[in-house]
Amino acid sequence: MAAAHGMRGCSHGGFHSGIGFYSRESKQIRYVMVCDDCGEEVRELVNEPYVPDPVLGPGAGFMPGTAPA
């Protein structure tokens, strides 16, 4: 029966949440399900290449005093 439990002794029988993790080194973004009780990853949903390309400056819509007219 111990094999059915996570590394911390959690059964992972409760609720789960989706979380995204970005790795700058590997330029990957991973979306995983984690157990809400213990925080352990229980399943990887997606792992894909990702490199942020932020839009900064006037007109971007999120910098103070630069909202589009």
Protein backbone atom coordinates (compact mmCIF):
# COMPACT_ATOMS: atom_id res chain seq x y z
CA MET A 1 0.00 0.00 0.00
CA ALA A 2 2.95 2.37 0.57
CA ALA A 3 3.54 2.61 -3.21
CA ALA A 4 0.18 4.39 -3.57
CA HIS A 5 1.41 7.28 -1.42
CA GLY A 6 3.60 10.19 -2.44
CA MET A 7 7.11 10.78 -1.21
CA ARG A 8 5.77 12.65 1.83
CA GLY A 9 3.22 9.99 2.77
CA CYS A 10 0.33 11.86 1.11
CA SER A 11 -2.32 9.85 -0.75
CA HIS A 12 -2.95 12.75 -3.20
CA GLY A 13 -6.66 11.95 -2.79
CA GLY A 14 -7.78 15.57 -2.39
CA PHE A 15 -7.85 18.53 -4.72
CA HIS A 16 -5.14 19.38 -7.24
CA SER A 17 -4.06 22.65 -8.86
CA GLY A 18 -2.34 23.48 -12.13
CA ILE A 19 0.92 25.43 -11.95
CA GLY A 20 3.34 26.67 -14.60
CA PHE A 21 7.11 26.68 -14.11
CA TYR A 22 9.52 28.51 -16.38
CA SER A 23 13.17 27.48 -16.70
CA ARG A 24 15.42 30.20 -18.10
CA GLU A 25 18.29 27.71 -18.52
CA SER A 26 16.38 25.23 -20.67
CA LYS A 27 14.02 27.86 -22.18
CA GLN A 28 11.06 25.62 -21.39
CA ILE A 29 7.75 26.15 -19.67
CA ARG A 30 6.17 23.23 -17.82
CA TYR A 31 2.57 23.00 -16.71
CA VAL A 32 2.01 20.44 -13.96
CA MET A 33 -0.68 19.28 -11.56
CA VAL A 34 0.26 19.48 -7.89
CA CYS A 35 -1.43 18.03 -4.84
CA ASP A 36 -3.01 20.84 -2.82
CA ASP A 37 -2.34 18.97 0.44
CA CYS A 38 1.42 18.40 0.10
CA GLY A 39 2.52 20.40 -2.98
CA GLU A 40 4.09 17.40 -4.73
CA GLU A 41 3.92 17.27 -8.53
CA VAL A 42 1.62 14.44 -9.53
CA ARG A 43 1.50 14.85 -13.31
CA GLU A 44 3.16 16.84 -16.07
CA LEU A 45 0.56 18.25 -18.46
CA VAL A 46 2.66 20.18 -21.00
CA ASN A 47 6.36 20.85 -21.54
CA GLU A 48 7.15 23.20 -24.41
CA PRO A 49 9.77 25.67 -25.62
CA TYR A 50 9.19 29.23 -24.42
CA VAL A 51 11.28 32.41 -24.53
CA PRO A 52 9.66 35.55 -23.11
CA ASP A 53 9.47 38.49 -25.50
CA PRO A 54 7.97 41.31 -23.42
CA VAL A 55 6.58 44.45 -25.05
CA LEU A 56 7.79 47.41 -23.00
CA GLY A 57 7.41 51.11 -23.48
CA PRO A 58 4.71 53.56 -24.51
CA GLY A 59 1.58 51.92 -25.84
CA ALA A 60 2.18 48.62 -24.06
CA GLY A 61 -0.87 49.34 -21.89
CA PHE A 62 0.59 48.45 -18.51
CA MET A 63 3.15 51.14 -17.73
CA PRO A 64 1.93 54.08 -15.61
CA GLY A 65 1.15 57.16 -17.65
CA THR A 66 1.45 55.41 -21.02
CA ALA A 67 -2.09 54.14 -21.57
CA PRO A 68 -3.23 54.42 -25.18
CA ALA A 69 -5.53 57.38 -25.88
